[in-house]
Amino acid sequence: MKKRQLLQIVTTKTFKADKGECFRPEFVKLPSALTADMLRSGAWKEQSFKEQNWKSRGRDPAGGHLHPLMKVRSQFREILLGMGFNEMPTSRFVESSFWNFDALFQPQSHPARDMHDTFFLKNPAACESIPDQKYCDRVKETHEHGLEDSFGYEYPWSIDEARKNLLRTHTTAISSQMLYKLAQEPVFKPMKYFSIDRVFRNETLDATHLAEFHQVEGVIIDRNIGLSNLLGTFTEFFKKIGIDKLKFKPAYNPYTEPSLEIFGYHPLLKKWVEIGNSGVFRPEMLEPMGLPKDVNVIAWGLSLERPTMIYYGVKNIRDLFGHKVSLQSTKENPIAFIQELEKAPVDEQKKA
């Protein structure tokens, strides 16, 4: 009958559906992972999760990439260690005004200590402990009346102002503590210190300034050294980092005399850019610490960002460091950052 097409076969399917344990009248998207809120509230105990295939292979993660600043930092660190400097511990960002300003013979009425230039903390607003009282008294006396051959600032120095906490405006806050520690040694020992770490200033943001940046600082403590030693030391340092076009301009710092601003030529901006500051620490800073009178301290500091901008051809500092920097640019930055590499001799190319 089927062959004669006298019969038509019809398949009938029937389904029986019952409400199961997971029945819901509306569609619910199950979470695929734990969240912090689930852990805090304990909701994960009653929560149903999307099934996971733990045997599936995910995408291989991309390898790590060093930021240009970290490459230049590593190079600067190796240079300074090779020049005989010891690295200072700079692991904390919060300092007291005493170490950041007062120990450096910077008056409490100085404009840099204003809220418009410094980030002060609200909580805790002040530090609980201060250095030994004798040292504080010597700092107070120096601020108010100066030393034997100076007048000081002739104002009433306040310990409450010195105890205010802030985000350090320079790593010299660490240098002052290292100098004080060195002064407490029974026998004076010449030293060289350096540091490379972040500092914070309430700057107006532009192509060459940020409110947060890295400072490179070098400090040399020895007998009978001065400006000629300072010029020779950081000229040699800048040669090693590839900046040989330098200019110097007299400047003012509360804690150095004489003081010099350092300028380097930026090949892309086609102009001279300030890259650092330097000077010889004043006796008003050193003698209250207890250092011998014939001991001098020379120091210089520069930002890490501006030499890196010169190396990598970056015109705007906000394209190098900050929350808006492209991660792709970090992945694709070249290993060798010397711009004139192709013109360098073969031996220098191998070193690079």
C-alpha atoms as a PDB file:
ATOM      1  CA  MET A   1       0.000   0.000   0.000  1.00  0.00           C
ATOM      2  CA  LYS A   2       2.951   2.309   0.673  1.00  0.00           C
ATOM      3  CA  LYS A   3       4.430   1.490  -2.728  1.00  0.00           C
ATOM      4  CA  ARG A   4       1.078   2.088  -4.379  1.00  0.00           C
ATOM      5  CA  GLN A   5       0.886   5.449  -2.542  1.00  0.00           C
ATOM      6  CA  LEU A   6      -2.337   4.362  -0.919  1.00  0.00           C
ATOM      7  CA  LEU A   7      -0.855   4.992   2.513  1.00  0.00           C
ATOM      8  CA  GLN A   8       0.731   8.087   4.022  1.00  0.00           C
ATOM      9  CA  ILE A   9       2.879   7.639   7.140  1.00  0.00           C
ATOM     10  CA  VAL A  10       2.618  10.497   9.645  1.00  0.00           C
ATOM     11  CA  THR A  11       4.976  10.761  12.656  1.00  0.00           C
ATOM     12  CA  THR A  12       3.507  12.275  15.761  1.00  0.00           C
ATOM     13  CA  LYS A  13       5.813  13.467  18.554  1.00  0.00           C
ATOM     14  CA  THR A  14       4.624  14.230  22.039  1.00  0.00           C
ATOM     15  CA  PHE A  15       6.472  15.931  24.858  1.00  0.00           C
ATOM     16  CA  LYS A  16       5.840  15.873  28.541  1.00  0.00           C
ATOM     17  CA  ALA A  17       7.273  18.890  30.466  1.00  0.00           C
ATOM     18  CA  ASP A  18       7.360  19.157  34.214  1.00  0.00           C
ATOM     19  CA  LYS A  19       8.617  21.994  36.378  1.00  0.00           C
ATOM     20  CA  GLY A  20      12.100  21.105  37.591  1.00  0.00           C
ATOM     21  CA  GLU A  21      14.098  22.435  40.557  1.00  0.00           C
ATOM     22  CA  CYS A  22      15.557  25.294  38.479  1.00  0.00           C
ATOM     23  CA  PHE A  23      12.248  26.358  36.904  1.00  0.00           C
ATOM     24  CA  ARG A  24      11.801  30.138  36.600  1.00  0.00           C
ATOM     25  CA  PRO A  25       8.930  31.961  34.895  1.00  0.00           C
ATOM     26  CA  GLU A  26      11.430  34.447  33.423  1.00  0.00           C
ATOM     27  CA  PHE A  27      14.886  34.058  31.894  1.00  0.00           C
ATOM     28  CA  VAL A  28      17.682  34.691  34.396  1.00  0.00           C
ATOM     29  CA  LYS A  29      21.292  35.185  33.301  1.00  0.00           C
ATOM     30  CA  LEU A  30      23.478  33.208  35.667  1.00  0.00           C
ATOM     31  CA  PRO A  31      26.753  34.745  36.805  1.00  0.00           C
ATOM     32  CA  SER A  32      29.939  33.074  35.604  1.00  0.00           C
ATOM     33  CA  ALA A  33      32.269  34.212  38.392  1.00  0.00           C
ATOM     34  CA  LEU A  34      32.375  35.199  42.030  1.00  0.00           C
ATOM     35  CA  THR A  35      32.297  38.894  42.897  1.00  0.00           C
ATOM     36  CA  ALA A  36      33.530  40.779  45.938  1.00  0.00           C
ATOM     37  CA  ASP A  37      29.941  41.667  46.915  1.00  0.00           C
ATOM     38  CA  MET A  38      28.946  37.954  46.894  1.00  0.00           C
ATOM     39  CA  LEU A  39      31.832  37.114  49.200  1.00  0.00           C
ATOM     40  CA  ARG A  40      31.092  39.972  51.594  1.00  0.00           C
ATOM     41  CA  SER A  41      27.367  39.259  51.843  1.00  0.00           C
ATOM     42  CA  GLY A  42      27.603  35.451  51.695  1.00  0.00           C
ATOM     43  CA  ALA A  43      25.162  35.382  48.731  1.00  0.00           C
ATOM     44  CA  TRP A  44      27.459  32.979  46.853  1.00  0.00           C
ATOM     45  CA  LYS A  45      26.240  30.145  49.098  1.00  0.00           C
ATOM     46  CA  GLU A  46      22.741  30.325  47.571  1.00  0.00           C
ATOM     47  CA  GLN A  47      23.762  31.532  44.142  1.00  0.00           C
ATOM     48  CA  SER A  48      23.615  29.370  40.992  1.00  0.00           C
ATOM     49  CA  PHE A  49      26.446  29.803  38.549  1.00  0.00           C
ATOM     50  CA  LYS A  50      26.834  29.246  34.851  1.00  0.00           C
ATOM     51  CA  GLU A  51      28.458  25.933  34.002  1.00  0.00           C
ATOM     52  CA  GLN A  52      32.136  26.226  33.202  1.00  0.00           C
ATOM     53  CA  ASN A  53      34.294  24.157  30.881  1.00  0.00           C
ATOM     54  CA  TRP A  54      37.469  23.961  32.891  1.00  0.00           C
ATOM     55  CA  LYS A  55      39.187  21.840  30.239  1.00  0.00           C
ATOM     56  CA  SER A  56      38.998  24.491  27.525  1.00  0.00           C
ATOM     57  CA  ARG A  57      42.212  26.310  26.605  1.00  0.00           C
ATOM     58  CA  GLY A  58      42.088  30.075  26.751  1.00  0.00           C
ATOM     59  CA  ARG A  59      44.037  32.564  24.716  1.00  0.00           C
ATOM     60  CA  ASP A  60      47.725  32.692  25.620  1.00  0.00           C
ATOM     61  CA  PRO A  61      48.512  35.974  27.414  1.00  0.00           C
ATOM     62  CA  ALA A  62      50.882  38.402  25.758  1.00  0.00           C
ATOM     63  CA  GLY A  63      54.347  38.696  27.259  1.00  0.00           C
ATOM     64  CA  GLY A  64      55.225  41.501  29.653  1.00  0.00           C
ATOM     65  CA  HIS A  65      56.428  44.821  28.251  1.00  0.00           C
ATOM     66  CA  LEU A  66      58.670  47.342  29.970  1.00  0.00           C
ATOM     67  CA  HIS A  67      57.535  50.955  29.969  1.00  0.00           C
ATOM     68  CA  PRO A  68      60.083  53.377  28.436  1.00  0.00           C
ATOM     69  CA  LEU A  69      60.480  55.066  31.828  1.00  0.00           C
ATOM     70  CA  MET A  70      61.503  51.767  33.401  1.00  0.00           C
ATOM     71  CA  LYS A  71      64.080  51.166  30.672  1.00  0.00           C
ATOM     72  CA  VAL A  72      65.637  54.586  31.174  1.00  0.00           C
ATOM     73  CA  ARG A  73      65.427  54.194  34.952  1.00  0.00           C
ATOM     74  CA  SER A  74      67.363  50.939  34.737  1.00  0.00           C
ATOM     75  CA  GLN A  75      70.011  52.611  32.577  1.00  0.00           C
ATOM     76  CA  PHE A  76      70.366  55.594  34.953  1.00  0.00           C
ATOM     77  CA  ARG A  77      70.590  53.267  37.935  1.00  0.00           C
ATOM     78  CA  GLU A  78      73.408  51.233  36.353  1.00  0.00           C
ATOM     79  CA  ILE A  79      75.299  54.437  35.479  1.00  0.00           C
ATOM     80  CA  LEU A  80      75.043  55.837  39.012  1.00  0.00           C
ATOM     81  CA  LEU A  81      76.013  52.537  40.604  1.00  0.00           C
ATOM     82  CA  GLY A  82      78.993  52.406  38.246  1.00  0.00           C
ATOM     83  CA  MET A  83      79.992  55.911  39.388  1.00  0.00           C
ATOM     84  CA  GLY A  84      80.172  54.679  42.990  1.00  0.00           C
ATOM     85  CA  PHE A  85      76.819  55.917  44.306  1.00  0.00           C
ATOM     86  CA  ASN A  86      74.710  54.066  46.893  1.00  0.00           C
ATOM     87  CA  GLU A  87      70.945  53.861  46.402  1.00  0.00           C
ATOM     88  CA  MET A  88      68.786  55.537  49.049  1.00  0.00           C
ATOM     89  CA  PRO A  89      65.600  53.896  50.405  1.00  0.00           C
ATOM     90  CA  THR A  90      62.714  55.881  48.897  1.00  0.00           C
ATOM     91  CA  SER A  91      59.815  53.456  49.337  1.00  0.00           C
ATOM     92  CA  ARG A  92      57.446  55.910  51.068  1.00  0.00           C
ATOM     93  CA  PHE A  93      55.638  58.771  49.378  1.00  0.00           C
ATOM     94  CA  VAL A  94      54.366  60.545  52.527  1.00  0.00           C
ATOM     95  CA  GLU A  95      56.800  62.703  54.472  1.00  0.00           C
ATOM     96  CA  SER A  96      56.536  65.306  57.190  1.00  0.00           C
ATOM     97  CA  SER A  97      57.047  68.966  56.387  1.00  0.00           C
ATOM     98  CA  PHE A  98      60.032  68.849  58.724  1.00  0.00           C
ATOM     99  CA  TRP A  99      62.074  66.545  56.477  1.00  0.00           C
ATOM    100  CA  ASN A 100      60.646  67.881  53.224  1.00  0.00           C
ATOM    101  CA  PHE A 101      61.110  71.581  54.036  1.00  0.00           C
ATOM    102  CA  ASP A 102      62.380  72.577  57.501  1.00  0.00           C
ATOM    103  CA  ALA A 103      65.452  70.343  57.603  1.00  0.00           C
ATOM    104  CA  LEU A 104      66.398  71.844  54.217  1.00  0.00           C
ATOM    105  CA  PHE A 105      66.355  75.388  55.640  1.00  0.00           C
ATOM    106  CA  GLN A 106      63.244  76.245  53.646  1.00  0.00           C
ATOM    107  CA  PRO A 107      61.199  78.850  55.551  1.00  0.00           C
ATOM    108  CA  GLN A 108      57.676  78.034  56.659  1.00  0.00           C
ATOM    109  CA  SER A 109      56.401  81.053  54.727  1.00  0.00           C
ATOM    110  CA  HIS A 110      57.930  79.861  51.440  1.00  0.00           C
ATOM    111  CA  PRO A 111      55.426  79.849  48.499  1.00  0.00           C
ATOM    112  CA  ALA A 112      56.209  76.184  47.721  1.00  0.00           C
ATOM    113  CA  ARG A 113      54.639  75.206  51.062  1.00  0.00           C
ATOM    114  CA  ASP A 114      51.316  76.690  50.024  1.00  0.00           C
ATOM    115  CA  MET A 115      48.384  74.386  49.218  1.00  0.00           C
ATOM    116  CA  HIS A 116      48.615  75.550  45.599  1.00  0.00           C
ATOM    117  CA  ASP A 117      52.053  73.964  45.208  1.00  0.00           C
ATOM    118  CA  THR A 118      52.035  71.037  47.663  1.00  0.00           C
ATOM    119  CA  PHE A 119      49.614  68.164  48.310  1.00  0.00           C
ATOM    120  CA  PHE A 120      48.976  68.094  52.079  1.00  0.00           C
ATOM    121  CA  LEU A 121      47.260  65.096  53.700  1.00  0.00           C
ATOM    122  CA  LYS A 122      43.954  65.391  55.520  1.00  0.00           C
ATOM    123  CA  ASN A 123      44.176  62.099  57.391  1.00  0.00           C
ATOM    124  CA  PRO A 124      46.530  61.867  59.183  1.00  0.00           C
ATOM    125  CA  ALA A 125      47.155  65.572  58.873  1.00  0.00           C
ATOM    126  CA  ALA A 126      50.250  65.545  61.092  1.00  0.00           C
ATOM    127  CA  CYS A 127      52.929  63.064  62.087  1.00  0.00           C
ATOM    128  CA  GLU A 128      53.089  61.858  65.674  1.00  0.00           C
ATOM    129  CA  SER A 129      56.857  61.600  66.088  1.00  0.00           C
ATOM    130  CA  ILE A 130      59.587  64.123  65.346  1.00  0.00           C
ATOM    131  CA  PRO A 131      63.403  63.821  65.308  1.00  0.00           C
ATOM    132  CA  ASP A 132      65.267  64.205  68.573  1.00  0.00           C
ATOM    133  CA  GLN A 133      64.490  67.405  70.395  1.00  0.00           C
ATOM    134  CA  LYS A 134      68.049  68.753  70.283  1.00  0.00           C
ATOM    135  CA  TYR A 135      68.090  68.619  66.488  1.00  0.00           C
ATOM    136  CA  CYS A 136      64.660  70.297  66.317  1.00  0.00           C
ATOM    137  CA  ASP A 137      65.901  73.052  68.610  1.00  0.00           C
ATOM    138  CA  ARG A 138      68.944  73.624  66.371  1.00  0.00           C
ATOM    139  CA  VAL A 139      66.731  73.779  63.276  1.00  0.00           C
ATOM    140  CA  LYS A 140      64.423  76.220  65.057  1.00  0.00           C
ATOM    141  CA  GLU A 141      67.342  78.417  66.109  1.00  0.00           C
ATOM    142  CA  THR A 142      68.814  78.407  62.594  1.00  0.00           C
ATOM    143  CA  HIS A 143      65.493  79.382  61.006  1.00  0.00           C
ATOM    144  CA  GLU A 144      64.906  82.178  63.488  1.00  0.00           C
ATOM    145  CA  HIS A 145      68.431  83.583  64.006  1.00  0.00           C
ATOM    146  CA  GLY A 146      70.758  81.816  61.549  1.00  0.00           C
ATOM    147  CA  LEU A 147      74.280  80.629  62.308  1.00  0.00           C
ATOM    148  CA  GLU A 148      77.308  82.520  63.540  1.00  0.00           C
ATOM    149  CA  ASP A 149      77.744  84.410  60.262  1.00  0.00           C
ATOM    150  CA  SER A 150      74.124  84.617  59.092  1.00  0.00           C
ATOM    151  CA  PHE A 151      70.805  86.103  60.207  1.00  0.00           C
ATOM    152  CA  GLY A 152      68.297  83.351  59.436  1.00  0.00           C
ATOM    153  CA  TYR A 153      64.786  84.260  58.388  1.00  0.00           C
ATOM    154  CA  GLU A 154      63.858  86.106  61.615  1.00  0.00           C
ATOM    155  CA  TYR A 155      60.387  84.632  62.083  1.00  0.00           C
ATOM    156  CA  PRO A 156      58.816  82.448  64.827  1.00  0.00           C
ATOM    157  CA  TRP A 157      59.343  78.822  63.739  1.00  0.00           C
ATOM    158  CA  SER A 158      56.384  76.507  64.500  1.00  0.00           C
ATOM    159  CA  ILE A 159      56.674  72.794  65.312  1.00  0.00           C
ATOM    160  CA  ASP A 160      52.998  72.345  64.369  1.00  0.00           C
ATOM    161  CA  GLU A 161      53.762  73.532  60.840  1.00  0.00           C
ATOM    162  CA  ALA A 162      56.750  71.171  60.673  1.00  0.00           C
ATOM    163  CA  ARG A 163      54.620  68.168  61.677  1.00  0.00           C
ATOM    164  CA  LYS A 164      52.176  68.495  58.750  1.00  0.00           C
ATOM    165  CA  ASN A 165      52.114  65.446  56.467  1.00  0.00           C
ATOM    166  CA  LEU A 166      52.406  65.811  52.696  1.00  0.00           C
ATOM    167  CA  LEU A 167      53.171  63.946  49.511  1.00  0.00           C
ATOM    168  CA  ARG A 168      56.882  64.562  49.123  1.00  0.00           C
ATOM    169  CA  THR A 169      57.694  67.293  46.609  1.00  0.00           C
ATOM    170  CA  HIS A 170      61.246  66.012  46.036  1.00  0.00           C
ATOM    171  CA  THR A 171      63.414  63.062  47.027  1.00  0.00           C
ATOM    172  CA  THR A 172      65.665  65.532  48.865  1.00  0.00           C
ATOM    173  CA  ALA A 173      63.369  64.764  51.807  1.00  0.00           C
ATOM    174  CA  ILE A 174      65.136  61.377  51.895  1.00  0.00           C
ATOM    175  CA  SER A 175      68.552  62.971  51.319  1.00  0.00           C
ATOM    176  CA  SER A 176      68.100  65.132  54.420  1.00  0.00           C
ATOM    177  CA  GLN A 177      67.390  62.053  56.517  1.00  0.00           C
ATOM    178  CA  MET A 178      70.416  60.214  55.105  1.00  0.00           C
ATOM    179  CA  LEU A 179      72.621  63.223  55.889  1.00  0.00           C
ATOM    180  CA  TYR A 180      71.283  63.410  59.438  1.00  0.00           C
ATOM    181  CA  LYS A 181      71.918  59.684  59.900  1.00  0.00           C
ATOM    182  CA  LEU A 182      75.461  60.092  58.543  1.00  0.00           C
ATOM    183  CA  ALA A 183      76.088  62.998  60.942  1.00  0.00           C
ATOM    184  CA  GLN A 184      75.305  60.739  63.914  1.00  0.00           C
ATOM    185  CA  GLU A 185      78.185  58.396  63.067  1.00  0.00           C
ATOM    186  CA  PRO A 186      81.153  58.752  65.464  1.00  0.00           C
ATOM    187  CA  VAL A 187      83.621  59.089  62.558  1.00  0.00           C
ATOM    188  CA  PHE A 188      82.737  60.994  59.402  1.00  0.00           C
ATOM    189  CA  LYS A 189      82.804  58.935  56.209  1.00  0.00           C
ATOM    190  CA  PRO A 190      82.490  60.450  52.703  1.00  0.00           C
ATOM    191  CA  MET A 191      79.483  59.057  50.845  1.00  0.00           C
ATOM    192  CA  LYS A 192      77.692  59.166  47.516  1.00  0.00           C
ATOM    193  CA  TYR A 193      73.922  58.655  47.401  1.00  0.00           C
ATOM    194  CA  PHE A 194      71.357  58.528  44.622  1.00  0.00           C
ATOM    195  CA  SER A 195      67.643  57.843  44.273  1.00  0.00           C
ATOM    196  CA  ILE A 196      65.118  57.454  41.446  1.00  0.00           C
ATOM    197  CA  ASP A 197      61.500  57.594  42.552  1.00  0.00           C
ATOM    198  CA  ARG A 198      58.199  59.452  42.316  1.00  0.00           C
ATOM    199  CA  VAL A 199      57.505  62.919  43.677  1.00  0.00           C
ATOM    200  CA  PHE A 200      54.325  65.000  43.666  1.00  0.00           C
ATOM    201  CA  ARG A 201      53.724  68.680  42.985  1.00  0.00           C
ATOM    202  CA  ASN A 202      50.518  70.599  42.377  1.00  0.00           C
ATOM    203  CA  GLU A 203      51.626  71.677  38.907  1.00  0.00           C
ATOM    204  CA  THR A 204      49.591  73.030  36.006  1.00  0.00           C
ATOM    205  CA  LEU A 205      49.605  70.248  33.426  1.00  0.00           C
ATOM    206  CA  ASP A 206      51.205  71.016  30.069  1.00  0.00           C
ATOM    207  CA  ALA A 207      53.488  69.383  27.490  1.00  0.00           C
ATOM    208  CA  THR A 208      56.453  69.208  29.893  1.00  0.00           C
ATOM    209  CA  HIS A 209      54.860  69.201  33.392  1.00  0.00           C
ATOM    210  CA  LEU A 210      52.821  66.681  35.400  1.00  0.00           C
ATOM    211  CA  ALA A 211      51.586  66.682  38.989  1.00  0.00           C
ATOM    212  CA  GLU A 212      53.340  63.336  39.486  1.00  0.00           C
ATOM    213  CA  PHE A 213      56.726  62.507  38.021  1.00  0.00           C
ATOM    214  CA  HIS A 214      60.001  60.697  38.709  1.00  0.00           C
ATOM    215  CA  GLN A 215      63.021  62.493  40.138  1.00  0.00           C
ATOM    216  CA  VAL A 216      66.629  61.362  39.746  1.00  0.00           C
ATOM    217  CA  GLU A 217      68.857  62.764  42.494  1.00  0.00           C
ATOM    218  CA  GLY A 218      72.570  62.482  43.203  1.00  0.00           C
ATOM    219  CA  VAL A 219      74.249  63.618  46.439  1.00  0.00           C
ATOM    220  CA  ILE A 220      77.979  63.653  47.299  1.00  0.00           C
ATOM    221  CA  ILE A 221      79.209  64.290  50.857  1.00  0.00           C
ATOM    222  CA  ASP A 222      82.917  64.987  51.343  1.00  0.00           C
ATOM    223  CA  ARG A 223      85.406  67.474  52.703  1.00  0.00           C
ATOM    224  CA  ASN A 224      86.382  70.574  50.751  1.00  0.00           C
ATOM    225  CA  ILE A 225      84.264  70.031  47.621  1.00  0.00           C
ATOM    226  CA  GLY A 226      82.328  72.721  45.787  1.00  0.00           C
ATOM    227  CA  LEU A 227      80.872  74.002  42.548  1.00  0.00           C
ATOM    228  CA  SER A 228      83.709  72.763  40.315  1.00  0.00           C
ATOM    229  CA  ASN A 229      83.223  69.218  41.623  1.00  0.00           C
ATOM    230  CA  LEU A 230      79.472  69.542  41.057  1.00  0.00           C
ATOM    231  CA  LEU A 231      79.882  70.700  37.443  1.00  0.00           C
ATOM    232  CA  GLY A 232      82.347  67.941  36.679  1.00  0.00           C
ATOM    233  CA  THR A 233      80.209  65.218  38.243  1.00  0.00           C
ATOM    234  CA  PHE A 234      76.880  65.887  36.575  1.00  0.00           C
ATOM    235  CA  THR A 235      78.527  66.843  33.246  1.00  0.00           C
ATOM    236  CA  GLU A 236      80.037  63.353  33.246  1.00  0.00           C
ATOM    237  CA  PHE A 237      76.682  61.864  34.226  1.00  0.00           C
ATOM    238  CA  PHE A 238      74.818  63.636  31.426  1.00  0.00           C
ATOM    239  CA  LYS A 239      77.439  62.518  28.903  1.00  0.00           C
ATOM    240  CA  LYS A 240      76.821  58.929  29.936  1.00  0.00           C
ATOM    241  CA  ILE A 241      73.081  59.296  29.310  1.00  0.00           C
ATOM    242  CA  GLY A 242      73.632  60.853  25.890  1.00  0.00           C
ATOM    243  CA  ILE A 243      72.864  64.518  26.625  1.00  0.00           C
ATOM    244  CA  ASP A 244      75.998  66.477  25.763  1.00  0.00           C
ATOM    245  CA  LYS A 245      74.403  69.822  24.882  1.00  0.00           C
ATOM    246  CA  LEU A 246      74.043  71.483  28.283  1.00  0.00           C
ATOM    247  CA  LYS A 247      73.531  75.027  29.524  1.00  0.00           C
ATOM    248  CA  PHE A 248      73.555  76.327  33.080  1.00  0.00           C
ATOM    249  CA  LYS A 249      71.814  79.312  34.626  1.00  0.00           C
ATOM    250  CA  PRO A 250      72.211  80.707  38.151  1.00  0.00           C
ATOM    251  CA  ALA A 251      69.133  80.038  40.277  1.00  0.00           C
ATOM    252  CA  TYR A 252      67.828  80.339  43.822  1.00  0.00           C
ATOM    253  CA  ASN A 253      67.127  77.459  46.197  1.00  0.00           C
ATOM    254  CA  PRO A 254      66.576  77.921  49.928  1.00  0.00           C
ATOM    255  CA  TYR A 255      68.943  75.054  50.759  1.00  0.00           C
ATOM    256  CA  THR A 256      71.715  75.443  48.128  1.00  0.00           C
ATOM    257  CA  GLU A 257      74.173  78.267  47.460  1.00  0.00           C
ATOM    258  CA  PRO A 258      75.367  78.579  44.754  1.00  0.00           C
ATOM    259  CA  SER A 259      72.516  77.035  42.739  1.00  0.00           C
ATOM    260  CA  LEU A 260      72.294  76.193  39.043  1.00  0.00           C
ATOM    261  CA  GLU A 261      69.459  75.222  36.707  1.00  0.00           C
ATOM    262  CA  ILE A 262      70.440  72.651  34.060  1.00  0.00           C
ATOM    263  CA  PHE A 263      69.098  72.901  30.501  1.00  0.00           C
ATOM    264  CA  GLY A 264      69.380  70.293  27.743  1.00  0.00           C
ATOM    265  CA  TYR A 265      68.629  70.707  24.038  1.00  0.00           C
ATOM    266  CA  HIS A 266      65.475  68.875  22.868  1.00  0.00           C
ATOM    267  CA  PRO A 267      65.966  67.880  19.189  1.00  0.00           C
ATOM    268  CA  LEU A 268      62.224  67.519  18.487  1.00  0.00           C
ATOM    269  CA  LEU A 269      60.980  70.615  20.269  1.00  0.00           C
ATOM    270  CA  LYS A 270      63.977  72.473  18.812  1.00  0.00           C
ATOM    271  CA  LYS A 271      64.587  74.337  22.019  1.00  0.00           C
ATOM    272  CA  TRP A 272      66.404  74.180  25.323  1.00  0.00           C
ATOM    273  CA  VAL A 273      64.379  72.426  28.034  1.00  0.00           C
ATOM    274  CA  GLU A 274      65.047  72.596  31.768  1.00  0.00           C
ATOM    275  CA  ILE A 275      66.038  69.082  32.822  1.00  0.00           C
ATOM    276  CA  GLY A 276      67.396  69.558  36.321  1.00  0.00           C
ATOM    277  CA  ASN A 277      68.544  71.645  39.248  1.00  0.00           C
ATOM    278  CA  SER A 278      71.751  71.585  41.253  1.00  0.00           C
ATOM    279  CA  GLY A 279      73.728  73.312  43.948  1.00  0.00           C
ATOM    280  CA  VAL A 280      75.892  73.155  47.070  1.00  0.00           C
ATOM    281  CA  PHE A 281      73.958  72.619  50.307  1.00  0.00           C
ATOM    282  CA  ARG A 282      74.030  75.581  52.674  1.00  0.00           C
ATOM    283  CA  PRO A 283      75.756  75.406  56.082  1.00  0.00           C
ATOM    284  CA  GLU A 284      72.389  76.345  57.660  1.00  0.00           C
ATOM    285  CA  MET A 285      71.156  72.932  56.565  1.00  0.00           C
ATOM    286  CA  LEU A 286      74.252  70.868  57.413  1.00  0.00           C
ATOM    287  CA  GLU A 287      75.545  72.273  60.703  1.00  0.00           C
ATOM    288  CA  PRO A 288      72.326  71.694  62.733  1.00  0.00           C
ATOM    289  CA  MET A 289      72.596  68.021  61.721  1.00  0.00           C
ATOM    290  CA  GLY A 290      76.020  67.823  63.346  1.00  0.00           C
ATOM    291  CA  LEU A 291      78.202  67.492  60.238  1.00  0.00           C
ATOM    292  CA  PRO A 292      81.741  69.001  60.527  1.00  0.00           C
ATOM    293  CA  LYS A 293      82.103  72.546  59.208  1.00  0.00           C
ATOM    294  CA  ASP A 294      84.619  71.534  56.537  1.00  0.00           C
ATOM    295  CA  VAL A 295      82.188  68.963  55.073  1.00  0.00           C
ATOM    296  CA  ASN A 296      80.308  70.096  51.972  1.00  0.00           C
ATOM    297  CA  VAL A 297      77.447  68.444  50.103  1.00  0.00           C
ATOM    298  CA  ILE A 298      76.883  68.842  46.380  1.00  0.00           C
ATOM    299  CA  ALA A 299      73.684  67.627  44.753  1.00  0.00           C
ATOM    300  CA  TRP A 300      71.784  67.651  41.499  1.00  0.00           C
ATOM    301  CA  GLY A 301      68.375  66.423  40.450  1.00  0.00           C
ATOM    302  CA  LEU A 302      66.503  65.901  37.214  1.00  0.00           C
ATOM    303  CA  SER A 303      63.249  64.379  36.092  1.00  0.00           C
ATOM    304  CA  LEU A 304      63.226  60.932  34.509  1.00  0.00           C
ATOM    305  CA  GLU A 305      60.494  61.897  32.064  1.00  0.00           C
ATOM    306  CA  ARG A 306      62.279  64.613  30.088  1.00  0.00           C
ATOM    307  CA  PRO A 307      65.383  62.583  29.111  1.00  0.00           C
ATOM    308  CA  THR A 308      63.010  59.735  28.197  1.00  0.00           C
ATOM    309  CA  MET A 309      61.025  62.131  25.986  1.00  0.00           C
ATOM    310  CA  ILE A 310      64.259  63.064  24.207  1.00  0.00           C
ATOM    311  CA  TYR A 311      65.267  59.406  23.776  1.00  0.00           C
ATOM    312  CA  TYR A 312      61.926  58.237  22.411  1.00  0.00           C
ATOM    313  CA  GLY A 313      60.933  61.333  20.485  1.00  0.00           C
ATOM    314  CA  VAL A 314      57.910  62.157  22.653  1.00  0.00           C
ATOM    315  CA  LYS A 315      56.724  65.754  22.344  1.00  0.00           C
ATOM    316  CA  ASN A 316      54.069  65.722  25.081  1.00  0.00           C
ATOM    317  CA  ILE A 317      54.780  64.255  28.520  1.00  0.00           C
ATOM    318  CA  ARG A 318      51.111  63.185  28.784  1.00  0.00           C
ATOM    319  CA  ASP A 319      51.783  60.732  25.933  1.00  0.00           C
ATOM    320  CA  LEU A 320      54.494  59.104  28.054  1.00  0.00           C
ATOM    321  CA  PHE A 321      53.171  58.909  31.604  1.00  0.00           C
ATOM    322  CA  GLY A 322      49.644  58.985  32.977  1.00  0.00           C
ATOM    323  CA  HIS A 323      46.264  57.289  32.801  1.00  0.00           C
ATOM    324  CA  LYS A 324      45.657  58.273  29.168  1.00  0.00           C
ATOM    325  CA  VAL A 325      48.789  56.613  27.765  1.00  0.00           C
ATOM    326  CA  SER A 326      48.067  53.906  25.172  1.00  0.00           C
ATOM    327  CA  LEU A 327      49.068  50.410  26.313  1.00  0.00           C
ATOM    328  CA  GLN A 328      49.800  49.586  22.687  1.00  0.00           C
ATOM    329  CA  SER A 329      52.518  52.241  22.618  1.00  0.00           C
ATOM    330  CA  THR A 330      54.163  50.548  25.601  1.00  0.00           C
ATOM    331  CA  LYS A 331      54.102  47.202  23.797  1.00  0.00           C
ATOM    332  CA  GLU A 332      55.574  48.617  20.612  1.00  0.00           C
ATOM    333  CA  ASN A 333      58.298  50.930  21.987  1.00  0.00           C
ATOM    334  CA  PRO A 334      61.745  50.032  20.653  1.00  0.00           C
ATOM    335  CA  ILE A 335      64.316  48.131  22.677  1.00  0.00           C
ATOM    336  CA  ALA A 336      67.101  50.563  21.766  1.00  0.00           C
ATOM    337  CA  PHE A 337      66.102  54.158  22.458  1.00  0.00           C
ATOM    338  CA  ILE A 338      69.203  55.937  21.081  1.00  0.00           C
ATOM    339  CA  GLN A 339      67.885  58.094  18.244  1.00  0.00           C
ATOM    340  CA  GLU A 340      71.214  58.423  16.429  1.00  0.00           C
ATOM    341  CA  LEU A 341      71.911  54.680  16.607  1.00  0.00           C
ATOM    342  CA  GLU A 342      72.322  54.235  12.844  1.00  0.00           C
ATOM    343  CA  LYS A 343      74.963  56.961  12.729  1.00  0.00           C
ATOM    344  CA  ALA A 344      76.904  55.596  15.712  1.00  0.00           C
ATOM    345  CA  PRO A 345      80.093  53.558  15.233  1.00  0.00           C
ATOM    346  CA  VAL A 346      79.750  49.787  15.026  1.00  0.00           C
ATOM    347  CA  ASP A 347      81.145  49.249  18.531  1.00  0.00           C
ATOM    348  CA  GLU A 348      78.557  51.635  20.014  1.00  0.00           C
ATOM    349  CA  GLN A 349      75.760  49.888  18.089  1.00  0.00           C
ATOM    350  CA  LYS A 350      76.798  46.582  19.663  1.00  0.00           C
ATOM    351  CA  LYS A 351      76.756  48.132  23.140  1.00  0.00           C
ATOM    352  CA  ALA A 352      73.265  49.563  22.527  1.00  0.00           C
END
